[in-house]
C-alpha atoms as a PDB file:
ATOM      1  CA  MET A   1      60.323 -37.539  28.591  1.00  0.00           C
ATOM      2  CA  THR A   2      61.343 -40.886  29.987  1.00  0.00           C
ATOM      3  CA  ARG A   3      60.872 -41.799  33.641  1.00  0.00           C
ATOM      4  CA  ARG A   4      64.620 -41.564  34.127  1.00  0.00           C
ATOM      5  CA  GLY A   5      64.572 -38.069  32.661  1.00  0.00           C
ATOM      6  CA  VAL A   6      61.734 -37.027  34.977  1.00  0.00           C
ATOM      7  CA  VAL A   7      63.612 -38.358  37.992  1.00  0.00           C
ATOM      8  CA  LEU A   8      66.725 -36.471  36.915  1.00  0.00           C
ATOM      9  CA  VAL A   9      64.798 -33.216  36.539  1.00  0.00           C
ATOM     10  CA  VAL A  10      63.177 -33.682  39.943  1.00  0.00           C
ATOM     11  CA  LEU A  11      66.570 -34.357  41.524  1.00  0.00           C
ATOM     12  CA  LEU A  12      68.066 -31.278  39.884  1.00  0.00           C
ATOM     13  CA  ILE A  13      65.190 -29.114  41.099  1.00  0.00           C
ATOM     14  CA  ALA A  14      65.507 -30.554  44.607  1.00  0.00           C
ATOM     15  CA  ALA A  15      69.254 -29.936  44.582  1.00  0.00           C
ATOM     16  CA  ALA A  16      68.689 -26.344  43.453  1.00  0.00           C
ATOM     17  CA  ILE A  17      66.169 -25.786  46.257  1.00  0.00           C
ATOM     18  CA  VAL A  18      68.544 -27.246  48.847  1.00  0.00           C
ATOM     19  CA  ALA A  19      71.414 -25.135  47.521  1.00  0.00           C
ATOM     20  CA  ALA A  20      69.300 -21.978  47.575  1.00  0.00           C
ATOM     21  CA  GLY A  21      68.083 -22.743  51.085  1.00  0.00           C
ATOM     22  CA  SER A  22      71.615 -23.415  52.308  1.00  0.00           C
ATOM     23  CA  TRP A  23      72.844 -20.164  50.782  1.00  0.00           C
ATOM     24  CA  LEU A  24      69.962 -18.260  52.386  1.00  0.00           C
ATOM     25  CA  VAL A  25      70.693 -19.725  55.819  1.00  0.00           C
ATOM     26  CA  TRP A  26      74.380 -18.859  55.443  1.00  0.00           C
ATOM     27  CA  ASP A  27      73.590 -15.359  54.204  1.00  0.00           C
ATOM     28  CA  LYS A  28      71.063 -14.512  56.941  1.00  0.00           C
ATOM     29  CA  PHE A  29      72.726 -16.209  59.913  1.00  0.00           C
ATOM     30  CA  TYR A  30      76.453 -16.707  59.351  1.00  0.00           C
ATOM     31  CA  ARG A  31      77.893 -14.506  56.590  1.00  0.00           C
ATOM     32  CA  GLU A  32      80.306 -12.012  58.133  1.00  0.00           C
ATOM     33  CA  ALA A  33      81.241  -8.656  56.678  1.00  0.00           C
ATOM     34  CA  PRO A  34      84.108  -6.519  57.969  1.00  0.00           C
ATOM     35  CA  GLN A  35      83.287  -3.436  59.971  1.00  0.00           C
ATOM     36  CA  SER A  36      83.128  -0.162  58.116  1.00  0.00           C
ATOM     37  CA  ALA A  37      86.280   1.940  58.131  1.00  0.00           C
ATOM     38  CA  SER A  38      84.147   4.809  59.427  1.00  0.00           C
ATOM     39  CA  ILE A  39      83.695   2.823  62.653  1.00  0.00           C
ATOM     40  CA  THR A  40      87.306   1.794  63.211  1.00  0.00           C
ATOM     41  CA  GLY A  41      89.248   4.561  61.518  1.00  0.00           C
ATOM     42  CA  ASP A  42      92.065   4.840  64.078  1.00  0.00           C
ATOM     43  CA  ALA A  43      93.440   3.088  67.140  1.00  0.00           C
ATOM     44  CA  ASP A  44      91.120   4.817  69.610  1.00  0.00           C
ATOM     45  CA  SER A  45      88.038   4.141  67.476  1.00  0.00           C
ATOM     46  CA  THR A  46      89.041   0.504  67.120  1.00  0.00           C
ATOM     47  CA  PHE A  47      89.261   0.176  70.896  1.00  0.00           C
ATOM     48  CA  LEU A  48      86.002   2.036  71.527  1.00  0.00           C
ATOM     49  CA  TYR A  49      83.870   0.498  68.755  1.00  0.00           C
ATOM     50  CA  GLY A  50      85.807  -2.368  67.195  1.00  0.00           C
ATOM     51  CA  SER A  51      84.475  -5.891  67.144  1.00  0.00           C
ATOM     52  CA  ILE A  52      86.168  -8.506  69.321  1.00  0.00           C
ATOM     53  CA  GLY A  53      84.362 -11.292  67.481  1.00  0.00           C
ATOM     54  CA  ASN A  54      81.522 -12.002  69.905  1.00  0.00           C
ATOM     55  CA  GLU A  55      78.580 -10.876  67.759  1.00  0.00           C
ATOM     56  CA  SER A  56      77.566 -14.423  66.862  1.00  0.00           C
ATOM     57  CA  THR A  57      77.631 -15.604  70.487  1.00  0.00           C
ATOM     58  CA  ILE A  58      76.407 -12.703  72.617  1.00  0.00           C
ATOM     59  CA  GLY A  59      75.496 -10.089  70.023  1.00  0.00           C
ATOM     60  CA  LEU A  60      72.034  -8.593  69.664  1.00  0.00           C
ATOM     61  CA  PRO A  61      70.265  -7.652  66.414  1.00  0.00           C
ATOM     62  CA  TYR A  62      71.022  -4.028  65.618  1.00  0.00           C
ATOM     63  CA  TRP A  63      67.424  -2.864  65.427  1.00  0.00           C
ATOM     64  CA  VAL A  64      66.530  -4.486  68.744  1.00  0.00           C
ATOM     65  CA  VAL A  65      69.396  -2.564  70.345  1.00  0.00           C
ATOM     66  CA  VAL A  66      68.227   0.679  68.727  1.00  0.00           C
ATOM     67  CA  VAL A  67      64.611   0.488  69.875  1.00  0.00           C
ATOM     68  CA  LEU A  68      65.093  -0.901  73.393  1.00  0.00           C
ATOM     69  CA  PRO A  69      65.523   2.542  75.026  1.00  0.00           C
ATOM     70  CA  ARG A  70      62.615   3.930  72.988  1.00  0.00           C
ATOM     71  CA  VAL A  71      60.251   1.279  74.338  1.00  0.00           C
ATOM     72  CA  PHE A  72      61.620   0.710  77.842  1.00  0.00           C
ATOM     73  CA  GLY A  73      63.933   3.618  78.606  1.00  0.00           C
ATOM     74  CA  GLU A  74      61.420   5.837  80.387  1.00  0.00           C
ATOM     75  CA  ARG A  75      60.650   3.096  82.884  1.00  0.00           C
ATOM     76  CA  TYR A  76      64.014   1.402  83.336  1.00  0.00           C
ATOM     77  CA  LEU A  77      66.782   3.907  82.568  1.00  0.00           C
ATOM     78  CA  PRO A  78      67.797   6.484  85.209  1.00  0.00           C
ATOM     79  CA  GLY A  79      67.496   9.500  82.924  1.00  0.00           C
ATOM     80  CA  PRO A  80      66.848  10.801  79.405  1.00  0.00           C
ATOM     81  CA  GLY A  81      69.033  10.178  76.380  1.00  0.00           C
ATOM     82  CA  GLY A  82      68.617   6.433  76.031  1.00  0.00           C
ATOM     83  CA  TYR A  83      71.845   4.518  76.578  1.00  0.00           C
ATOM     84  CA  ALA A  84      73.639   7.810  77.213  1.00  0.00           C
ATOM     85  CA  ALA A  85      72.072   7.766  80.674  1.00  0.00           C
ATOM     86  CA  VAL A  86      74.356   4.860  81.630  1.00  0.00           C
ATOM     87  CA  VAL A  87      77.056   4.584  78.934  1.00  0.00           C
ATOM     88  CA  PRO A  88      79.273   7.308  77.408  1.00  0.00           C
ATOM     89  CA  TRP A  89      78.170   8.252  73.912  1.00  0.00           C
ATOM     90  CA  GLU A  90      80.345  10.416  71.685  1.00  0.00           C
ATOM     91  CA  GLU A  91      78.615  13.085  69.643  1.00  0.00           C
ATOM     92  CA  GLY A  92      78.094  11.982  66.045  1.00  0.00           C
ATOM     93  CA  ARG A  93      78.538   8.285  66.786  1.00  0.00           C
ATOM     94  CA  GLU A  94      75.881   5.772  65.798  1.00  0.00           C
ATOM     95  CA  LEU A  95      76.199   3.743  69.009  1.00  0.00           C
ATOM     96  CA  PRO A  96      77.609   4.257  72.507  1.00  0.00           C
ATOM     97  CA  VAL A  97      81.146   3.435  73.558  1.00  0.00           C
ATOM     98  CA  GLY A  98      81.678  -0.301  73.903  1.00  0.00           C
ATOM     99  CA  PHE A  99      78.941  -1.198  71.408  1.00  0.00           C
ATOM    100  CA  ALA A 100      80.407  -2.838  68.277  1.00  0.00           C
ATOM    101  CA  LYS A 101      78.262  -3.067  65.139  1.00  0.00           C
ATOM    102  CA  LYS A 102      79.092  -5.803  62.672  1.00  0.00           C
ATOM    103  CA  ARG A 103      77.163  -7.790  60.096  1.00  0.00           C
ATOM    104  CA  VAL A 104      76.891 -11.492  60.900  1.00  0.00           C
ATOM    105  CA  GLY A 105      73.931 -12.603  58.818  1.00  0.00           C
ATOM    106  CA  VAL A 106      72.134  -9.436  59.920  1.00  0.00           C
ATOM    107  CA  ASP A 107      73.593  -6.320  61.497  1.00  0.00           C
ATOM    108  CA  ARG A 108      74.369  -7.217  65.094  1.00  0.00           C
ATOM    109  CA  VAL A 109      75.754  -5.356  68.077  1.00  0.00           C
ATOM    110  CA  GLY A 110      78.373  -7.027  70.217  1.00  0.00           C
ATOM    111  CA  PHE A 111      80.171  -5.487  73.156  1.00  0.00           C
ATOM    112  CA  ASN A 112      83.879  -4.908  73.669  1.00  0.00           C
ATOM    113  CA  CYS A 113      86.363  -4.069  76.395  1.00  0.00           C
ATOM    114  CA  ALA A 114      85.673  -0.329  76.147  1.00  0.00           C
ATOM    115  CA  LEU A 115      82.308  -0.867  77.821  1.00  0.00           C
ATOM    116  CA  CYS A 116      84.117  -1.380  81.126  1.00  0.00           C
ATOM    117  CA  HIS A 117      87.489   0.249  80.443  1.00  0.00           C
ATOM    118  CA  THR A 118      86.841   3.820  79.359  1.00  0.00           C
ATOM    119  CA  THR A 119      87.086   7.128  81.194  1.00  0.00           C
ATOM    120  CA  ALA A 120      85.217  10.364  80.508  1.00  0.00           C
ATOM    121  CA  ARG A 121      87.214  13.488  81.390  1.00  0.00           C
ATOM    122  CA  ARG A 122      85.886  17.012  81.294  1.00  0.00           C
ATOM    123  CA  LEU A 123      88.617  19.326  80.043  1.00  0.00           C
ATOM    124  CA  PRO A 124      88.850  23.020  80.946  1.00  0.00           C
ATOM    125  CA  ASP A 125      86.667  25.245  78.749  1.00  0.00           C
ATOM    126  CA  HIS A 126      84.900  22.200  77.233  1.00  0.00           C
ATOM    127  CA  ASP A 127      81.281  21.371  78.012  1.00  0.00           C
ATOM    128  CA  THR A 128      81.436  17.889  76.494  1.00  0.00           C
ATOM    129  CA  PRO A 129      83.541  15.286  78.347  1.00  0.00           C
ATOM    130  CA  ARG A 130      86.338  13.691  76.368  1.00  0.00           C
ATOM    131  CA  ILE A 131      86.291   9.901  76.075  1.00  0.00           C
ATOM    132  CA  VAL A 132      89.639   8.349  77.017  1.00  0.00           C
ATOM    133  CA  ALA A 133      90.216   4.845  75.668  1.00  0.00           C
ATOM    134  CA  ALA A 134      91.498   2.237  78.138  1.00  0.00           C
ATOM    135  CA  GLY A 135      91.160   4.664  81.019  1.00  0.00           C
ATOM    136  CA  ALA A 136      90.158   3.884  84.577  1.00  0.00           C
ATOM    137  CA  LEU A 137      86.762   2.329  85.170  1.00  0.00           C
ATOM    138  CA  HIS A 138      84.630   5.435  85.583  1.00  0.00           C
ATOM    139  CA  ALA A 139      82.540   6.133  82.511  1.00  0.00           C
ATOM    140  CA  ALA A 140      79.924   3.375  82.188  1.00  0.00           C
ATOM    141  CA  ASP A 141      77.486   2.257  84.851  1.00  0.00           C
ATOM    142  CA  VAL A 142      77.542  -1.397  83.891  1.00  0.00           C
ATOM    143  CA  ARG A 143      75.181  -2.438  86.672  1.00  0.00           C
ATOM    144  CA  ARG A 144      72.525  -0.017  85.455  1.00  0.00           C
ATOM    145  CA  LEU A 145      72.996  -1.244  81.885  1.00  0.00           C
ATOM    146  CA  ALA A 146      72.676  -4.861  83.039  1.00  0.00           C
ATOM    147  CA  ASP A 147      69.553  -4.001  85.054  1.00  0.00           C
ATOM    148  CA  PHE A 148      68.094  -2.293  82.002  1.00  0.00           C
ATOM    149  CA  PHE A 149      68.696  -5.347  79.821  1.00  0.00           C
ATOM    150  CA  THR A 150      67.123  -7.635  82.423  1.00  0.00           C
ATOM    151  CA  SER A 151      64.121  -5.391  83.070  1.00  0.00           C
ATOM    152  CA  ALA A 152      63.410  -4.804  79.372  1.00  0.00           C
ATOM    153  CA  ALA A 153      63.567  -8.523  78.568  1.00  0.00           C
ATOM    154  CA  SER A 154      61.308  -9.329  81.538  1.00  0.00           C
ATOM    155  CA  ASP A 155      58.688  -6.735  80.596  1.00  0.00           C
ATOM    156  CA  ALA A 156      55.467  -8.059  79.055  1.00  0.00           C
ATOM    157  CA  ARG A 157      55.849  -5.510  76.278  1.00  0.00           C
ATOM    158  CA  PHE A 158      58.963  -7.280  75.029  1.00  0.00           C
ATOM    159  CA  ASN A 159      57.295  -9.117  72.183  1.00  0.00           C
ATOM    160  CA  ALA A 160      57.494  -9.166  68.414  1.00  0.00           C
ATOM    161  CA  ASP A 161      54.499  -6.882  67.870  1.00  0.00           C
ATOM    162  CA  THR A 162      55.816  -4.118  70.135  1.00  0.00           C
ATOM    163  CA  ILE A 163      59.411  -4.301  68.933  1.00  0.00           C
ATOM    164  CA  LEU A 164      58.513  -4.447  65.243  1.00  0.00           C
ATOM    165  CA  THR A 165      56.082  -1.547  65.587  1.00  0.00           C
ATOM    166  CA  GLU A 166      58.889   0.572  67.027  1.00  0.00           C
ATOM    167  CA  ILE A 167      61.335  -0.566  64.343  1.00  0.00           C
ATOM    168  CA  ASP A 168      58.797   0.418  61.670  1.00  0.00           C
ATOM    169  CA  LEU A 169      58.977   4.003  62.898  1.00  0.00           C
ATOM    170  CA  ALA A 170      62.681   4.138  62.029  1.00  0.00           C
ATOM    171  CA  TYR A 171      63.279   1.598  59.284  1.00  0.00           C
ATOM    172  CA  ARG A 172      61.363  -0.641  56.885  1.00  0.00           C
ATOM    173  CA  LEU A 173      62.621  -4.205  57.087  1.00  0.00           C
ATOM    174  CA  SER A 174      62.331  -6.489  54.086  1.00  0.00           C
ATOM    175  CA  VAL A 175      59.606  -9.143  54.220  1.00  0.00           C
ATOM    176  CA  LEU A 176      62.165 -11.858  54.927  1.00  0.00           C
ATOM    177  CA  ASP A 177      64.020  -9.859  57.573  1.00  0.00           C
ATOM    178  CA  ARG A 178      60.729  -8.985  59.231  1.00  0.00           C
ATOM    179  CA  LEU A 179      59.832 -12.668  59.479  1.00  0.00           C
ATOM    180  CA  LEU A 180      63.268 -13.462  60.872  1.00  0.00           C
ATOM    181  CA  TYR A 181      62.972 -10.705  63.458  1.00  0.00           C
ATOM    182  CA  ARG A 182      59.506 -11.892  64.493  1.00  0.00           C
ATOM    183  CA  TYR A 183      60.240 -15.586  64.805  1.00  0.00           C
ATOM    184  CA  VAL A 184      64.000 -15.762  65.419  1.00  0.00           C
ATOM    185  CA  TRP A 185      65.812 -12.573  66.393  1.00  0.00           C
ATOM    186  CA  ILE A 186      63.336 -11.058  68.847  1.00  0.00           C
ATOM    187  CA  PRO A 187      62.660 -14.285  70.807  1.00  0.00           C
ATOM    188  CA  ARG A 188      66.395 -15.018  70.856  1.00  0.00           C
ATOM    189  CA  SER A 189      67.129 -11.471  71.976  1.00  0.00           C
ATOM    190  CA  ARG A 190      65.061 -11.927  75.117  1.00  0.00           C
ATOM    191  CA  GLU A 191      67.218 -14.893  76.145  1.00  0.00           C
ATOM    192  CA  ARG A 192      70.436 -13.054  75.359  1.00  0.00           C
ATOM    193  CA  LEU A 193      69.413  -9.913  77.224  1.00  0.00           C
ATOM    194  CA  LEU A 194      68.626 -11.932  80.340  1.00  0.00           C
ATOM    195  CA  ALA A 195      71.932 -13.776  80.027  1.00  0.00           C
ATOM    196  CA  LEU A 196      73.824 -10.507  79.489  1.00  0.00           C
ATOM    197  CA  GLY A 197      72.194  -9.075  82.592  1.00  0.00           C
ATOM    198  CA  ARG A 198      73.486 -12.008  84.618  1.00  0.00           C
ATOM    199  CA  GLU A 199      76.946 -12.044  83.051  1.00  0.00           C
ATOM    200  CA  LEU A 200      77.560  -8.329  83.430  1.00  0.00           C
ATOM    201  CA  THR A 201      76.863  -8.398  87.154  1.00  0.00           C
ATOM    202  CA  SER A 202      77.838 -11.857  88.365  1.00  0.00           C
ATOM    203  CA  PRO A 203      81.653 -11.492  88.668  1.00  0.00           C
ATOM    204  CA  HIS A 204      81.389  -8.820  91.366  1.00  0.00           C
ATOM    205  CA  ALA A 205      77.833  -9.288  92.536  1.00  0.00           C
ATOM    206  CA  ALA A 206      78.981 -10.360  95.965  1.00  0.00           C
ATOM    207  CA  THR A 207      80.947  -7.126  96.523  1.00  0.00           C
ATOM    208  CA  GLY A 208      78.531  -4.839  94.742  1.00  0.00           C
ATOM    209  CA  ASP A 209      81.278  -3.779  92.337  1.00  0.00           C
ATOM    210  CA  ALA A 210      79.526  -4.900  89.152  1.00  0.00           C
ATOM    211  CA  ARG A 211      80.560  -1.638  87.568  1.00  0.00           C
ATOM    212  CA  SER A 212      84.079  -2.985  87.121  1.00  0.00           C
ATOM    213  CA  ALA A 213      83.057  -6.444  85.926  1.00  0.00           C
ATOM    214  CA  PRO A 214      84.998  -7.704  82.907  1.00  0.00           C
ATOM    215  CA  PHE A 215      82.927  -8.107  79.794  1.00  0.00           C
ATOM    216  CA  PRO A 216      81.791 -11.707  79.269  1.00  0.00           C
ATOM    217  CA  THR A 217      83.619 -13.710  76.632  1.00  0.00           C
ATOM    218  CA  SER A 218      81.840 -17.048  77.054  1.00  0.00           C
ATOM    219  CA  PRO A 219      79.029 -17.842  74.595  1.00  0.00           C
ATOM    220  CA  ILE A 220      75.508 -16.913  75.611  1.00  0.00           C
ATOM    221  CA  ARG A 221      73.088 -19.133  73.753  1.00  0.00           C
END
């Protein structure tokens, strides 16, 4: 093979590597998939669980959200049941009200208006309260949720080893996803949890009415 041919082969290989790397970055960080119809099957479900497009700016990796109460709930949540101690959670639902799961590179959980604008009403002859979309601001204790996020992120146990060990009990990540969680998603989650804690309480911190704070729409980086 001539020198020119060798150079051409090397350039083609380099271009293939760059293309594969670019595709991988897009696939694992930016590729968006629509939410499942099982999540947003009707108008109420769309309000309670539908994405408002903030997963890439303030969203948290799904598996970090899942294991947070398992690692830190006993110390920092006011009662049993994980997030249900502070946020309404409908029976049979994967996540609490106001938590929106959507794939952006990886499965992420953003938060929508229902987190602050949902009412739980107990109907006659029913033990389980009914969730009312866009109701008065009674159902979620946003301050407690914000305090939980802040306390969990500030705890020395919030590290890749602890979080991944807990994830392993529920789900086996691929080798690549495990590396991304260890070196990207978990460190980034700490920053976002601390920022969420501030954002969820700051609008009404002076009056103590953080419970009615609007959900943040500005990017948290």
